[in-house]
Every structure is written in C-alpha cells, then in structure tokens.
Amino acid sequence: MNKLARGLATAAIASALIIAPAAAANATYVPGTGNPTAPATVVAGQTITVTFPAGTFAPNELVRLVLTGANAGNATLASDIVIEKNADAAGGLTVSVTLPSGATGNYSLVGVGAESGATATSTFVVAAADAAAAPGGLANTGADSAAAFWFAGGLLALGATTVVTLNVVRRNRAQA
C-alpha cells in the first residue's frame, strides 16, 4: 500500500510539473505590463528617451515617474524636474531623462498610473563619462602577469629537478 501511495504522489507531482508551464504560457495578457524601452547602457551626462509602449497605462492617465539611482536627485526628467506626466490616448508614454555628469551605476525609472495602478519599470546602467573614451571598453586594472607565471613555472620545474636529483644521489650513496 505504501508503494501505491508513493507512486500516486509521484504521478501527481509529475503531472503538475507538466501542466503548470502550459497554463502559464496561455495566461491572459493584463494591460499595464508593457516593457519600457531604453538603452541598456548610458553615459553619464547623456539624455536618453524612455518609451512606455501603448497599453502600459490607461488612456490619458496621469503617471507618476520616479527615477532612482546614485545621484538621481541631480537628474532631470524632460527639460525640467517633472514627476507626473499624462499618458497618450493609447496609454503609452515617452519621457526624456538627462542624467547628471557624475552619474554611475544602476538606475531605474518607474512609472505608476494614478487611476489604474499599472506599474512599469525601465532599468539601465550608467557608465562614467570618461568610460566612453576608453578604448576596448575595459580599464587596465593590473599588470600583465604572463611573465610572473613563466617565472613561477620555471621555479617549479627547478624545484622538481632538484628533488629528483637529490633522490638519485641518495639512492646511489645507499647502494655504495
């Protein structure tokens, strides 16, 4: 009886694992979950445009915009500090964000519809202004360590040779 109960429980769990992804894939679209578009990486001091697609908010709805990140208080939304803006007739919204010249790190622009409560978030990474001028994208943060590895490998080989030589000499003396 115990094997039967265990087998039924295993079958029930396996069925749930097979059916659950299909149910999630066929879920109904809920307005207000549009994915905003913005550049993934931005340079400090740059002005970017963040677009919340049509259907993200209710038509002509007042949307509260909040920018978070290091030094976000010195950024501007549009041409001045605007924290509320109306969505268009299709429920979309376009916002220009000018980041401060000292901005770095991760930033988020969150839009929340006043009536619908719909929320959409755009995240982007801000690189320092001088990072754009660096060739190759990454700064040189250390020395070329190839020479150190060759030196260490040579010392290791020398040590192994010394150990082998001493063993051969010891065996020869023991036999003499």
C-alpha atoms as a PDB file:
ATOM      1  CA  MET A   1       0.000   0.000   0.000  1.00  0.00           C
ATOM      2  CA  ASN A   2       2.874   2.348   0.761  1.00  0.00           C
ATOM      3  CA  LYS A   3       4.335   1.840  -2.724  1.00  0.00           C
ATOM      4  CA  LEU A   4       0.954   2.632  -4.301  1.00  0.00           C
ATOM      5  CA  ALA A   5       0.613   5.897  -2.345  1.00  0.00           C
ATOM      6  CA  ARG A   6       4.172   6.877  -3.247  1.00  0.00           C
ATOM      7  CA  GLY A   7       3.560   6.096  -6.914  1.00  0.00           C
ATOM      8  CA  LEU A   8       0.340   8.154  -6.984  1.00  0.00           C
ATOM      9  CA  ALA A   9       2.075  11.102  -5.301  1.00  0.00           C
ATOM     10  CA  THR A  10       4.919  10.938  -7.820  1.00  0.00           C
ATOM     11  CA  ALA A  11       2.462  10.833 -10.719  1.00  0.00           C
ATOM     12  CA  ALA A  12       0.537  13.810  -9.314  1.00  0.00           C
ATOM     13  CA  ILE A  13       3.710  15.883  -8.930  1.00  0.00           C
ATOM     14  CA  ALA A  14       4.916  14.944 -12.420  1.00  0.00           C
ATOM     15  CA  SER A  15       1.526  15.916 -13.893  1.00  0.00           C
ATOM     16  CA  ALA A  16       1.604  19.264 -12.102  1.00  0.00           C
ATOM     17  CA  LEU A  17       5.114  19.966 -13.402  1.00  0.00           C
ATOM     18  CA  ILE A  18       3.994  19.220 -16.953  1.00  0.00           C
ATOM     19  CA  ILE A  19       0.719  21.161 -16.854  1.00  0.00           C
ATOM     20  CA  ALA A  20       1.856  24.274 -14.909  1.00  0.00           C
ATOM     21  CA  PRO A  21       4.178  25.706 -17.604  1.00  0.00           C
ATOM     22  CA  ALA A  22       1.491  25.269 -20.256  1.00  0.00           C
ATOM     23  CA  ALA A  23      -1.039  27.125 -18.114  1.00  0.00           C
ATOM     24  CA  ALA A  24       1.414  29.961 -17.512  1.00  0.00           C
ATOM     25  CA  ALA A  25       2.192  30.211 -21.226  1.00  0.00           C
ATOM     26  CA  ASN A  26      -1.518  30.576 -22.038  1.00  0.00           C
ATOM     27  CA  ALA A  27      -2.197  33.205 -19.366  1.00  0.00           C
ATOM     28  CA  THR A  28      -4.247  36.201 -20.445  1.00  0.00           C
ATOM     29  CA  TYR A  29      -2.418  39.459 -21.180  1.00  0.00           C
ATOM     30  CA  VAL A  30      -3.002  42.040 -18.486  1.00  0.00           C
ATOM     31  CA  PRO A  31      -2.738  45.701 -19.583  1.00  0.00           C
ATOM     32  CA  GLY A  32      -0.214  47.705 -17.639  1.00  0.00           C
ATOM     33  CA  THR A  33       2.615  45.249 -18.012  1.00  0.00           C
ATOM     34  CA  GLY A  34       4.267  46.757 -21.117  1.00  0.00           C
ATOM     35  CA  ASN A  35       8.028  46.647 -21.207  1.00  0.00           C
ATOM     36  CA  PRO A  36       9.527  50.124 -21.468  1.00  0.00           C
ATOM     37  CA  THR A  37      12.382  50.613 -23.896  1.00  0.00           C
ATOM     38  CA  ALA A  38      15.573  52.471 -23.055  1.00  0.00           C
ATOM     39  CA  PRO A  39      19.250  51.985 -23.878  1.00  0.00           C
ATOM     40  CA  ALA A  40      20.750  49.276 -21.657  1.00  0.00           C
ATOM     41  CA  THR A  41      23.926  51.302 -21.085  1.00  0.00           C
ATOM     42  CA  VAL A  42      24.047  55.071 -20.891  1.00  0.00           C
ATOM     43  CA  VAL A  43      26.936  57.523 -20.488  1.00  0.00           C
ATOM     44  CA  ALA A  44      26.790  59.998 -17.606  1.00  0.00           C
ATOM     45  CA  GLY A  45      25.534  63.414 -18.726  1.00  0.00           C
ATOM     46  CA  GLN A  46      23.652  61.903 -21.669  1.00  0.00           C
ATOM     47  CA  THR A  47      19.951  62.469 -22.372  1.00  0.00           C
ATOM     48  CA  ILE A  48      18.027  59.281 -23.110  1.00  0.00           C
ATOM     49  CA  THR A  49      14.463  58.584 -24.136  1.00  0.00           C
ATOM     50  CA  VAL A  50      12.441  56.004 -22.230  1.00  0.00           C
ATOM     51  CA  THR A  51       9.308  54.786 -24.004  1.00  0.00           C
ATOM     52  CA  PHE A  52       6.459  53.043 -22.212  1.00  0.00           C
ATOM     53  CA  PRO A  53       4.507  51.297 -25.019  1.00  0.00           C
ATOM     54  CA  ALA A  54       0.811  51.773 -25.773  1.00  0.00           C
ATOM     55  CA  GLY A  55      -1.385  49.914 -23.305  1.00  0.00           C
ATOM     56  CA  THR A  56       1.058  50.249 -20.431  1.00  0.00           C
ATOM     57  CA  PHE A  57      -1.217  52.777 -18.703  1.00  0.00           C
ATOM     58  CA  ALA A  58      -4.855  53.782 -19.103  1.00  0.00           C
ATOM     59  CA  PRO A  59      -5.512  56.286 -21.934  1.00  0.00           C
ATOM     60  CA  ASN A  60      -4.619  59.859 -20.917  1.00  0.00           C
ATOM     61  CA  GLU A  61      -3.872  58.700 -17.384  1.00  0.00           C
ATOM     62  CA  LEU A  62      -1.691  60.781 -15.061  1.00  0.00           C
ATOM     63  CA  VAL A  63       1.533  58.818 -14.483  1.00  0.00           C
ATOM     64  CA  ARG A  64       3.909  59.405 -11.572  1.00  0.00           C
ATOM     65  CA  LEU A  65       7.538  58.904 -12.619  1.00  0.00           C
ATOM     66  CA  VAL A  66      10.264  58.150 -10.099  1.00  0.00           C
ATOM     67  CA  LEU A  67      13.954  57.941 -11.018  1.00  0.00           C
ATOM     68  CA  THR A  68      16.183  56.079  -8.568  1.00  0.00           C
ATOM     69  CA  GLY A  69      19.932  55.538  -8.564  1.00  0.00           C
ATOM     70  CA  ALA A  70      23.110  57.112  -7.267  1.00  0.00           C
ATOM     71  CA  ASN A  71      22.931  60.902  -7.620  1.00  0.00           C
ATOM     72  CA  ALA A  72      19.434  60.591  -9.173  1.00  0.00           C
ATOM     73  CA  GLY A  73      18.359  63.793  -7.414  1.00  0.00           C
ATOM     74  CA  ASN A  74      20.514  65.786  -9.849  1.00  0.00           C
ATOM     75  CA  ALA A  75      18.947  64.180 -12.934  1.00  0.00           C
ATOM     76  CA  THR A  76      16.129  65.823 -14.840  1.00  0.00           C
ATOM     77  CA  LEU A  77      13.070  64.264 -16.347  1.00  0.00           C
ATOM     78  CA  ALA A  78      12.217  66.047 -19.628  1.00  0.00           C
ATOM     79  CA  SER A  79      13.559  69.601 -19.682  1.00  0.00           C
ATOM     80  CA  ASP A  80      12.828  70.234 -16.011  1.00  0.00           C
ATOM     81  CA  ILE A  81      12.086  68.107 -12.962  1.00  0.00           C
ATOM     82  CA  VAL A  82       8.739  66.534 -13.873  1.00  0.00           C
ATOM     83  CA  ILE A  83       7.479  63.718 -11.706  1.00  0.00           C
ATOM     84  CA  GLU A  84       3.977  63.472 -13.206  1.00  0.00           C
ATOM     85  CA  LYS A  85       3.017  63.316 -16.863  1.00  0.00           C
ATOM     86  CA  ASN A  86      -0.077  62.205 -18.781  1.00  0.00           C
ATOM     87  CA  ALA A  87      -0.026  59.078 -20.928  1.00  0.00           C
ATOM     88  CA  ASP A  88      -1.167  59.464 -24.529  1.00  0.00           C
ATOM     89  CA  ALA A  89      -4.572  58.354 -25.872  1.00  0.00           C
ATOM     90  CA  ALA A  90      -3.244  54.801 -26.391  1.00  0.00           C
ATOM     91  CA  GLY A  91      -1.833  54.526 -22.844  1.00  0.00           C
ATOM     92  CA  GLY A  92       1.789  54.995 -23.892  1.00  0.00           C
ATOM     93  CA  LEU A  93       4.293  57.499 -22.560  1.00  0.00           C
ATOM     94  CA  THR A  94       7.656  58.860 -23.723  1.00  0.00           C
ATOM     95  CA  VAL A  95       9.991  60.552 -21.262  1.00  0.00           C
ATOM     96  CA  SER A  96      13.404  62.180 -21.782  1.00  0.00           C
ATOM     97  CA  VAL A  97      15.848  61.709 -18.922  1.00  0.00           C
ATOM     98  CA  THR A  98      19.033  63.782 -18.625  1.00  0.00           C
ATOM     99  CA  LEU A  99      21.493  62.163 -16.248  1.00  0.00           C
ATOM    100  CA  PRO A 100      23.966  64.188 -14.194  1.00  0.00           C
ATOM    101  CA  SER A 101      27.594  64.207 -15.315  1.00  0.00           C
ATOM    102  CA  GLY A 102      28.643  62.379 -12.131  1.00  0.00           C
ATOM    103  CA  ALA A 103      26.084  59.592 -12.501  1.00  0.00           C
ATOM    104  CA  THR A 104      27.310  55.982 -12.354  1.00  0.00           C
ATOM    105  CA  GLY A 105      25.762  52.623 -11.587  1.00  0.00           C
ATOM    106  CA  ASN A 106      22.261  51.211 -11.894  1.00  0.00           C
ATOM    107  CA  TYR A 107      19.247  53.464 -12.402  1.00  0.00           C
ATOM    108  CA  SER A 108      15.521  52.721 -12.586  1.00  0.00           C
ATOM    109  CA  LEU A 109      12.674  54.815 -13.960  1.00  0.00           C
ATOM    110  CA  VAL A 110       9.370  53.622 -12.542  1.00  0.00           C
ATOM    111  CA  GLY A 111       6.028  54.807 -13.916  1.00  0.00           C
ATOM    112  CA  VAL A 112       2.861  54.274 -11.850  1.00  0.00           C
ATOM    113  CA  GLY A 113      -0.600  55.053 -13.235  1.00  0.00           C
ATOM    114  CA  ALA A 114      -2.644  57.232 -10.859  1.00  0.00           C
ATOM    115  CA  GLU A 115      -6.011  55.602 -11.626  1.00  0.00           C
ATOM    116  CA  SER A 116      -5.110  52.119 -12.887  1.00  0.00           C
ATOM    117  CA  GLY A 117      -2.190  51.492 -10.553  1.00  0.00           C
ATOM    118  CA  ALA A 118      -0.335  49.971 -13.533  1.00  0.00           C
ATOM    119  CA  THR A 119       3.400  49.892 -12.922  1.00  0.00           C
ATOM    120  CA  ALA A 120       6.255  49.660 -15.420  1.00  0.00           C
ATOM    121  CA  THR A 121       9.981  49.859 -14.733  1.00  0.00           C
ATOM    122  CA  SER A 122      12.860  50.675 -17.043  1.00  0.00           C
ATOM    123  CA  THR A 123      16.360  49.906 -15.772  1.00  0.00           C
ATOM    124  CA  PHE A 124      19.661  50.946 -17.285  1.00  0.00           C
ATOM    125  CA  VAL A 125      23.327  51.113 -16.341  1.00  0.00           C
ATOM    126  CA  VAL A 126      25.122  54.445 -16.342  1.00  0.00           C
ATOM    127  CA  ALA A 127      28.833  54.391 -17.175  1.00  0.00           C
ATOM    128  CA  ALA A 128      31.102  57.229 -16.094  1.00  0.00           C
ATOM    129  CA  ALA A 129      31.529  59.922 -18.734  1.00  0.00           C
ATOM    130  CA  ASP A 130      35.227  59.101 -19.198  1.00  0.00           C
ATOM    131  CA  ALA A 131      34.411  55.393 -19.725  1.00  0.00           C
ATOM    132  CA  ALA A 132      33.072  56.190 -23.195  1.00  0.00           C
ATOM    133  CA  ALA A 133      36.511  57.400 -24.251  1.00  0.00           C
ATOM    134  CA  ALA A 134      38.327  54.279 -23.047  1.00  0.00           C
ATOM    135  CA  PRO A 135      39.345  52.077 -25.986  1.00  0.00           C
ATOM    136  CA  GLY A 136      38.324  48.447 -25.700  1.00  0.00           C
ATOM    137  CA  GLY A 137      35.666  49.174 -23.105  1.00  0.00           C
ATOM    138  CA  LEU A 138      37.517  47.949 -20.014  1.00  0.00           C
ATOM    139  CA  ALA A 139      40.069  49.852 -17.989  1.00  0.00           C
ATOM    140  CA  ASN A 140      43.501  48.371 -17.384  1.00  0.00           C
ATOM    141  CA  THR A 141      43.340  47.446 -13.698  1.00  0.00           C
ATOM    142  CA  GLY A 142      46.556  45.490 -13.296  1.00  0.00           C
ATOM    143  CA  ALA A 143      49.822  44.341 -14.802  1.00  0.00           C
ATOM    144  CA  ASP A 144      50.456  41.746 -17.481  1.00  0.00           C
ATOM    145  CA  SER A 145      51.015  38.652 -15.354  1.00  0.00           C
ATOM    146  CA  ALA A 146      52.306  36.320 -18.087  1.00  0.00           C
ATOM    147  CA  ALA A 147      55.930  36.934 -17.081  1.00  0.00           C
ATOM    148  CA  ALA A 148      55.152  36.138 -13.443  1.00  0.00           C
ATOM    149  CA  PHE A 149      53.522  32.837 -14.467  1.00  0.00           C
ATOM    150  CA  TRP A 150      56.557  31.856 -16.569  1.00  0.00           C
ATOM    151  CA  PHE A 151      58.874  32.711 -13.669  1.00  0.00           C
ATOM    152  CA  ALA A 152      56.754  30.688 -11.221  1.00  0.00           C
ATOM    153  CA  GLY A 153      56.638  27.750 -13.662  1.00  0.00           C
ATOM    154  CA  GLY A 154      60.420  27.897 -14.019  1.00  0.00           C
ATOM    155  CA  LEU A 155      60.874  27.844 -10.246  1.00  0.00           C
ATOM    156  CA  LEU A 156      58.520  24.870 -10.008  1.00  0.00           C
ATOM    157  CA  ALA A 157      60.457  22.979 -12.683  1.00  0.00           C
ATOM    158  CA  LEU A 158      63.766  23.831 -10.960  1.00  0.00           C
ATOM    159  CA  GLY A 159      62.395  22.569  -7.633  1.00  0.00           C
ATOM    160  CA  ALA A 160      61.154  19.318  -9.202  1.00  0.00           C
ATOM    161  CA  THR A 161      64.554  18.780 -10.849  1.00  0.00           C
ATOM    162  CA  THR A 162      66.313  19.380  -7.520  1.00  0.00           C
ATOM    163  CA  VAL A 163      64.088  16.838  -5.721  1.00  0.00           C
ATOM    164  CA  VAL A 164      64.674  14.176  -8.398  1.00  0.00           C
ATOM    165  CA  THR A 165      68.431  14.811  -8.380  1.00  0.00           C
ATOM    166  CA  LEU A 166      68.642  14.564  -4.580  1.00  0.00           C
ATOM    167  CA  ASN A 167      66.688  11.261  -4.633  1.00  0.00           C
ATOM    168  CA  VAL A 168      69.040   9.796  -7.256  1.00  0.00           C
ATOM    169  CA  VAL A 169      72.112  10.880  -5.259  1.00  0.00           C
ATOM    170  CA  ARG A 170      70.626   9.466  -2.016  1.00  0.00           C
ATOM    171  CA  ARG A 171      69.904   6.088  -3.669  1.00  0.00           C
ATOM    172  CA  ASN A 172      73.394   5.910  -5.178  1.00  0.00           C
ATOM    173  CA  ARG A 173      75.003   6.605  -1.801  1.00  0.00           C
ATOM    174  CA  ALA A 174      72.800   3.995  -0.123  1.00  0.00           C
ATOM    175  CA  GLN A 175      73.900   1.346  -2.648  1.00  0.00           C
ATOM    176  CA  ALA A 176      77.605   2.195  -2.335  1.00  0.00           C
END
